Amino acid sequence: MKDYLSYLNEYYPIRRSKEDKEKFIEYIKEEVIDYNVSVETIKNEHNNIVIGDVENAKVIFTAHYDTPAAAIIPNLMLPKNKVLSHLYAFGMPIILALICLFISYVFTSLFKLPDVVFASIYVVLYLGSYYLLTRFFTNKNNYNDNTSGVATILSLIEMNKSDKIAFILFELSNLPFL
C-alpha cells in the first residue's frame, strides 16, 4: 500500500489556492482508477471531489481536502472542556481588540490626532491583524488538517474496490471564517 500521508505532504502539502486545488484534483483523477471520479461544483465556489456512485453506495466516506492557513496564534481545539474552548474562541479576538485599541490610543495621543483618526487606525489595525493572524500565512504542516483524512480516504479506495462504497472529498476553505 502506498504511503499517502508522506506522498501528499511531499507533493501536495498546500491545497489552499485555486491552482493548488486544481492540481490536487488532477492528481486524484489520475490516482483513482477503479472508481469514477467527478467534480461537483457547489454555488460556483466549492469543488467537491466525488469518487464512486454516491446515489447507490451503502457507505460514503468523507474528508475535506483543502488546507488551512497557518495562524500565528494557534486554533486550539478543546472539545472536552467547553468553558476553556469558548474562552479561547471569544477571548483571543477580544485580546486582539484591546491590543489594537491600546496601540491606536497611544498613536493618536502621541500625535494629538482627532477621534475619527483613532477610530480609523483601530479598524485598520484590528481587521488587518485579524486577517494576518488567521488567514494570511500558508501552512505546510497539515498532517492533521486534513492530510490525514485525505490519506485515509485514498488508502480506503486502494483497499476496497466495491460499488457499495463511495467517497467525497469536500472543499471547505471558501466558507467564511475557515
C-alpha atoms as a PDB file:
ATOM      1  CA  MET A   1       0.000   0.000   0.000  1.00  0.00           C
ATOM      2  CA  LYS A   2       1.226   3.481  -0.889  1.00  0.00           C
ATOM      3  CA  ASP A   3       2.235   5.821   1.942  1.00  0.00           C
ATOM      4  CA  TYR A   4      -0.254   8.520   1.020  1.00  0.00           C
ATOM      5  CA  LEU A   5       0.466  10.680   4.050  1.00  0.00           C
ATOM      6  CA  SER A   6       4.117  11.169   3.129  1.00  0.00           C
ATOM      7  CA  TYR A   7       3.317  11.496  -0.566  1.00  0.00           C
ATOM      8  CA  LEU A   8       0.671  14.178  -0.011  1.00  0.00           C
ATOM      9  CA  ASN A   9       2.916  16.153   2.321  1.00  0.00           C
ATOM     10  CA  GLU A  10       5.756  15.976  -0.169  1.00  0.00           C
ATOM     11  CA  TYR A  11       3.887  16.771  -3.396  1.00  0.00           C
ATOM     12  CA  TYR A  12       0.614  18.437  -2.298  1.00  0.00           C
ATOM     13  CA  PRO A  13       1.287  19.953   1.146  1.00  0.00           C
ATOM     14  CA  ILE A  14      -0.718  23.085   0.388  1.00  0.00           C
ATOM     15  CA  ARG A  15      -4.202  22.818  -1.067  1.00  0.00           C
ATOM     16  CA  ARG A  16      -5.412  26.328  -0.419  1.00  0.00           C
ATOM     17  CA  SER A  17      -5.289  28.407  -3.605  1.00  0.00           C
ATOM     18  CA  LYS A  18      -7.417  27.686  -6.645  1.00  0.00           C
ATOM     19  CA  GLU A  19      -4.328  26.479  -8.522  1.00  0.00           C
ATOM     20  CA  ASP A  20      -3.255  24.179  -5.660  1.00  0.00           C
ATOM     21  CA  LYS A  21      -6.712  22.651  -5.529  1.00  0.00           C
ATOM     22  CA  GLU A  22      -6.894  22.170  -9.302  1.00  0.00           C
ATOM     23  CA  LYS A  23      -3.534  20.334  -9.272  1.00  0.00           C
ATOM     24  CA  PHE A  24      -4.747  18.162  -6.415  1.00  0.00           C
ATOM     25  CA  ILE A  25      -7.988  17.342  -8.239  1.00  0.00           C
ATOM     26  CA  GLU A  26      -5.969  16.275 -11.291  1.00  0.00           C
ATOM     27  CA  TYR A  27      -3.821  14.081  -9.066  1.00  0.00           C
ATOM     28  CA  ILE A  28      -6.925  12.379  -7.638  1.00  0.00           C
ATOM     29  CA  LYS A  29      -8.308  11.808 -11.139  1.00  0.00           C
ATOM     30  CA  GLU A  30      -5.024  10.141 -12.148  1.00  0.00           C
ATOM     31  CA  GLU A  31      -4.554   8.203  -8.902  1.00  0.00           C
ATOM     32  CA  VAL A  32      -8.036   6.705  -8.562  1.00  0.00           C
ATOM     33  CA  ILE A  33      -8.545   4.256 -11.415  1.00  0.00           C
ATOM     34  CA  ASP A  34     -11.102   1.789 -10.012  1.00  0.00           C
ATOM     35  CA  TYR A  35     -13.836   4.359  -9.372  1.00  0.00           C
ATOM     36  CA  ASN A  36     -15.500   7.062 -11.395  1.00  0.00           C
ATOM     37  CA  VAL A  37     -14.138  10.443 -10.283  1.00  0.00           C
ATOM     38  CA  SER A  38     -16.097  13.634 -10.854  1.00  0.00           C
ATOM     39  CA  VAL A  39     -16.015  17.171  -9.540  1.00  0.00           C
ATOM     40  CA  GLU A  40     -19.227  18.626  -8.180  1.00  0.00           C
ATOM     41  CA  THR A  41     -19.258  22.425  -8.073  1.00  0.00           C
ATOM     42  CA  ILE A  42     -21.472  23.976  -5.407  1.00  0.00           C
ATOM     43  CA  LYS A  43     -22.642  27.586  -5.958  1.00  0.00           C
ATOM     44  CA  ASN A  44     -19.636  28.249  -8.234  1.00  0.00           C
ATOM     45  CA  GLU A  45     -17.472  28.318  -5.094  1.00  0.00           C
ATOM     46  CA  HIS A  46     -16.715  24.819  -3.831  1.00  0.00           C
ATOM     47  CA  ASN A  47     -15.365  21.897  -5.822  1.00  0.00           C
ATOM     48  CA  ASN A  48     -16.139  18.610  -4.138  1.00  0.00           C
ATOM     49  CA  ILE A  49     -14.404  15.520  -5.496  1.00  0.00           C
ATOM     50  CA  VAL A  50     -16.913  12.677  -5.787  1.00  0.00           C
ATOM     51  CA  ILE A  51     -15.415   9.206  -6.092  1.00  0.00           C
ATOM     52  CA  GLY A  52     -17.751   6.333  -6.904  1.00  0.00           C
ATOM     53  CA  ASP A  53     -21.530   6.157  -7.193  1.00  0.00           C
ATOM     54  CA  VAL A  54     -22.866   8.168  -4.258  1.00  0.00           C
ATOM     55  CA  GLU A  55     -26.501   7.514  -5.177  1.00  0.00           C
ATOM     56  CA  ASN A  56     -26.187   3.719  -4.905  1.00  0.00           C
ATOM     57  CA  ALA A  57     -23.487   3.400  -2.251  1.00  0.00           C
ATOM     58  CA  LYS A  58     -24.287   1.793   1.100  1.00  0.00           C
ATOM     59  CA  VAL A  59     -21.410   3.638   2.795  1.00  0.00           C
ATOM     60  CA  ILE A  60     -19.894   7.039   1.990  1.00  0.00           C
ATOM     61  CA  PHE A  61     -16.559   8.129   3.462  1.00  0.00           C
ATOM     62  CA  THR A  62     -15.729  11.838   3.512  1.00  0.00           C
ATOM     63  CA  ALA A  63     -12.947  14.256   4.381  1.00  0.00           C
ATOM     64  CA  HIS A  64     -12.139  17.824   3.445  1.00  0.00           C
ATOM     65  CA  TYR A  65      -9.147  18.131   1.154  1.00  0.00           C
ATOM     66  CA  ASP A  66      -8.225  21.786   1.345  1.00  0.00           C
ATOM     67  CA  THR A  67      -5.709  23.035   3.855  1.00  0.00           C
ATOM     68  CA  PRO A  68      -5.944  25.952   6.279  1.00  0.00           C
ATOM     69  CA  ALA A  69      -3.757  28.952   6.744  1.00  0.00           C
ATOM     70  CA  ALA A  70      -1.076  28.825   9.404  1.00  0.00           C
ATOM     71  CA  ALA A  71      -2.228  31.011  12.239  1.00  0.00           C
ATOM     72  CA  ILE A  72       0.363  32.778  14.363  1.00  0.00           C
ATOM     73  CA  ILE A  73      -1.968  32.183  17.286  1.00  0.00           C
ATOM     74  CA  PRO A  74      -2.963  28.510  17.043  1.00  0.00           C
ATOM     75  CA  ASN A  75      -6.562  27.458  16.735  1.00  0.00           C
ATOM     76  CA  LEU A  76      -6.786  25.172  19.732  1.00  0.00           C
ATOM     77  CA  MET A  77      -9.477  22.547  19.844  1.00  0.00           C
ATOM     78  CA  LEU A  78     -10.634  21.878  23.373  1.00  0.00           C
ATOM     79  CA  PRO A  79     -13.779  19.782  22.879  1.00  0.00           C
ATOM     80  CA  LYS A  80     -13.690  18.154  26.316  1.00  0.00           C
ATOM     81  CA  ASN A  81     -13.593  21.462  28.139  1.00  0.00           C
ATOM     82  CA  LYS A  82     -16.278  23.690  26.657  1.00  0.00           C
ATOM     83  CA  VAL A  83     -15.596  26.561  29.044  1.00  0.00           C
ATOM     84  CA  LEU A  84     -11.929  26.780  28.021  1.00  0.00           C
ATOM     85  CA  SER A  85     -12.847  26.301  24.382  1.00  0.00           C
ATOM     86  CA  HIS A  86     -15.327  29.201  24.465  1.00  0.00           C
ATOM     87  CA  LEU A  87     -12.963  31.396  26.451  1.00  0.00           C
ATOM     88  CA  TYR A  88     -10.248  30.785  23.881  1.00  0.00           C
ATOM     89  CA  ALA A  89     -12.548  31.257  20.872  1.00  0.00           C
ATOM     90  CA  PHE A  90     -14.001  34.513  22.169  1.00  0.00           C
ATOM     91  CA  GLY A  91     -11.061  35.643  24.273  1.00  0.00           C
ATOM     92  CA  MET A  92      -8.459  35.814  21.502  1.00  0.00           C
ATOM     93  CA  PRO A  93     -10.420  38.323  19.367  1.00  0.00           C
ATOM     94  CA  ILE A  94     -11.145  40.383  22.493  1.00  0.00           C
ATOM     95  CA  ILE A  95      -7.466  40.431  23.470  1.00  0.00           C
ATOM     96  CA  LEU A  96      -6.585  41.399  19.903  1.00  0.00           C
ATOM     97  CA  ALA A  97      -9.192  44.195  20.032  1.00  0.00           C
ATOM     98  CA  LEU A  98      -7.761  45.518  23.296  1.00  0.00           C
ATOM     99  CA  ILE A  99      -4.215  45.495  21.919  1.00  0.00           C
ATOM    100  CA  CYS A 100      -5.384  47.380  18.809  1.00  0.00           C
ATOM    101  CA  LEU A 101      -7.267  49.887  20.984  1.00  0.00           C
ATOM    102  CA  PHE A 102      -4.138  50.484  23.057  1.00  0.00           C
ATOM    103  CA  ILE A 103      -1.912  50.969  20.001  1.00  0.00           C
ATOM    104  CA  SER A 104      -4.479  53.312  18.390  1.00  0.00           C
ATOM    105  CA  TYR A 105      -4.796  55.312  21.608  1.00  0.00           C
ATOM    106  CA  VAL A 106      -1.036  55.670  22.068  1.00  0.00           C
ATOM    107  CA  PHE A 107      -0.515  56.661  18.424  1.00  0.00           C
ATOM    108  CA  THR A 108      -3.325  59.258  18.351  1.00  0.00           C
ATOM    109  CA  SER A 109      -2.364  60.661  21.776  1.00  0.00           C
ATOM    110  CA  LEU A 110       1.276  60.931  20.807  1.00  0.00           C
ATOM    111  CA  PHE A 111       0.481  62.894  17.638  1.00  0.00           C
ATOM    112  CA  LYS A 112      -2.651  64.623  19.030  1.00  0.00           C
ATOM    113  CA  LEU A 113      -4.885  63.304  16.262  1.00  0.00           C
ATOM    114  CA  PRO A 114      -8.705  63.611  16.225  1.00  0.00           C
ATOM    115  CA  ASP A 115     -11.042  60.815  17.339  1.00  0.00           C
ATOM    116  CA  VAL A 116     -12.020  59.936  13.776  1.00  0.00           C
ATOM    117  CA  VAL A 117      -8.379  59.083  13.053  1.00  0.00           C
ATOM    118  CA  PHE A 118      -8.310  56.993  16.248  1.00  0.00           C
ATOM    119  CA  ALA A 119     -11.324  55.009  15.030  1.00  0.00           C
ATOM    120  CA  SER A 120      -9.837  54.588  11.560  1.00  0.00           C
ATOM    121  CA  ILE A 121      -6.497  53.394  12.909  1.00  0.00           C
ATOM    122  CA  TYR A 122      -8.266  50.965  15.224  1.00  0.00           C
ATOM    123  CA  VAL A 123     -10.407  49.443  12.463  1.00  0.00           C
ATOM    124  CA  VAL A 124      -7.462  49.066  10.083  1.00  0.00           C
ATOM    125  CA  LEU A 125      -5.253  47.588  12.812  1.00  0.00           C
ATOM    126  CA  TYR A 126      -7.899  45.161  14.049  1.00  0.00           C
ATOM    127  CA  LEU A 127      -9.053  43.890  10.668  1.00  0.00           C
ATOM    128  CA  GLY A 128      -5.518  43.733   9.287  1.00  0.00           C
ATOM    129  CA  SER A 129      -4.083  41.908  12.284  1.00  0.00           C
ATOM    130  CA  TYR A 130      -7.066  39.532  12.475  1.00  0.00           C
ATOM    131  CA  TYR A 131      -6.568  38.676   8.799  1.00  0.00           C
ATOM    132  CA  LEU A 132      -2.823  38.193   9.285  1.00  0.00           C
ATOM    133  CA  LEU A 133      -3.304  36.044  12.361  1.00  0.00           C
ATOM    134  CA  THR A 134      -5.923  33.754  10.860  1.00  0.00           C
ATOM    135  CA  ARG A 135      -5.727  33.661   7.071  1.00  0.00           C
ATOM    136  CA  PHE A 136      -2.513  35.027   5.631  1.00  0.00           C
ATOM    137  CA  PHE A 137       0.259  32.512   6.217  1.00  0.00           C
ATOM    138  CA  THR A 138       0.477  29.265   4.278  1.00  0.00           C
ATOM    139  CA  ASN A 139       0.555  26.166   6.440  1.00  0.00           C
ATOM    140  CA  LYS A 140       2.801  23.428   5.036  1.00  0.00           C
ATOM    141  CA  ASN A 141       2.332  21.127   8.040  1.00  0.00           C
ATOM    142  CA  ASN A 142      -1.123  19.708   7.528  1.00  0.00           C
ATOM    143  CA  TYR A 143      -0.792  16.179   8.816  1.00  0.00           C
ATOM    144  CA  ASN A 144      -3.848  16.673  10.972  1.00  0.00           C
ATOM    145  CA  ASP A 145      -5.827  19.205   8.958  1.00  0.00           C
ATOM    146  CA  ASN A 146      -6.689  17.400   6.760  1.00  0.00           C
ATOM    147  CA  THR A 147      -3.946  15.484   5.017  1.00  0.00           C
ATOM    148  CA  SER A 148      -4.509  12.560   7.370  1.00  0.00           C
ATOM    149  CA  GLY A 149      -8.167  12.406   6.313  1.00  0.00           C
ATOM    150  CA  VAL A 150      -7.293  12.522   2.606  1.00  0.00           C
ATOM    151  CA  ALA A 151      -4.590   9.852   3.087  1.00  0.00           C
ATOM    152  CA  THR A 152      -7.118   7.657   4.882  1.00  0.00           C
ATOM    153  CA  ILE A 153      -9.645   8.070   2.062  1.00  0.00           C
ATOM    154  CA  LEU A 154      -7.021   7.205  -0.564  1.00  0.00           C
ATOM    155  CA  SER A 155      -5.956   4.143   1.443  1.00  0.00           C
ATOM    156  CA  LEU A 156      -9.581   3.009   1.737  1.00  0.00           C
ATOM    157  CA  ILE A 157     -10.008   3.439  -2.002  1.00  0.00           C
ATOM    158  CA  GLU A 158      -6.927   1.316  -2.605  1.00  0.00           C
ATOM    159  CA  MET A 159      -8.087  -1.450  -0.218  1.00  0.00           C
ATOM    160  CA  ASN A 160     -11.817  -1.506  -1.040  1.00  0.00           C
ATOM    161  CA  LYS A 161     -12.926  -1.760  -4.621  1.00  0.00           C
ATOM    162  CA  SER A 162     -16.676  -2.012  -4.278  1.00  0.00           C
ATOM    163  CA  ASP A 163     -19.690  -0.350  -5.863  1.00  0.00           C
ATOM    164  CA  LYS A 164     -21.266  -0.230  -2.384  1.00  0.00           C
ATOM    165  CA  ILE A 165     -18.712   2.331  -1.217  1.00  0.00           C
ATOM    166  CA  ALA A 166     -18.292   5.937  -2.345  1.00  0.00           C
ATOM    167  CA  PHE A 167     -16.060   8.780  -1.229  1.00  0.00           C
ATOM    168  CA  ILE A 168     -16.376  12.554  -1.194  1.00  0.00           C
ATOM    169  CA  LEU A 169     -13.525  14.981  -0.654  1.00  0.00           C
ATOM    170  CA  PHE A 170     -15.056  18.316   0.334  1.00  0.00           C
ATOM    171  CA  GLU A 171     -13.661  21.787  -0.231  1.00  0.00           C
ATOM    172  CA  LEU A 172     -14.284  23.968   2.786  1.00  0.00           C
ATOM    173  CA  SER A 173     -11.867  26.903   2.762  1.00  0.00           C
ATOM    174  CA  ASN A 174     -14.096  29.283   0.813  1.00  0.00           C
ATOM    175  CA  LEU A 175     -16.541  29.280   3.703  1.00  0.00           C
ATOM    176  CA  PRO A 176     -16.413  32.340   5.970  1.00  0.00           C
ATOM    177  CA  PHE A 177     -14.029  32.119   8.945  1.00  0.00           C
ATOM    178  CA  LEU A 178     -12.288  28.908   7.799  1.00  0.00           C
END
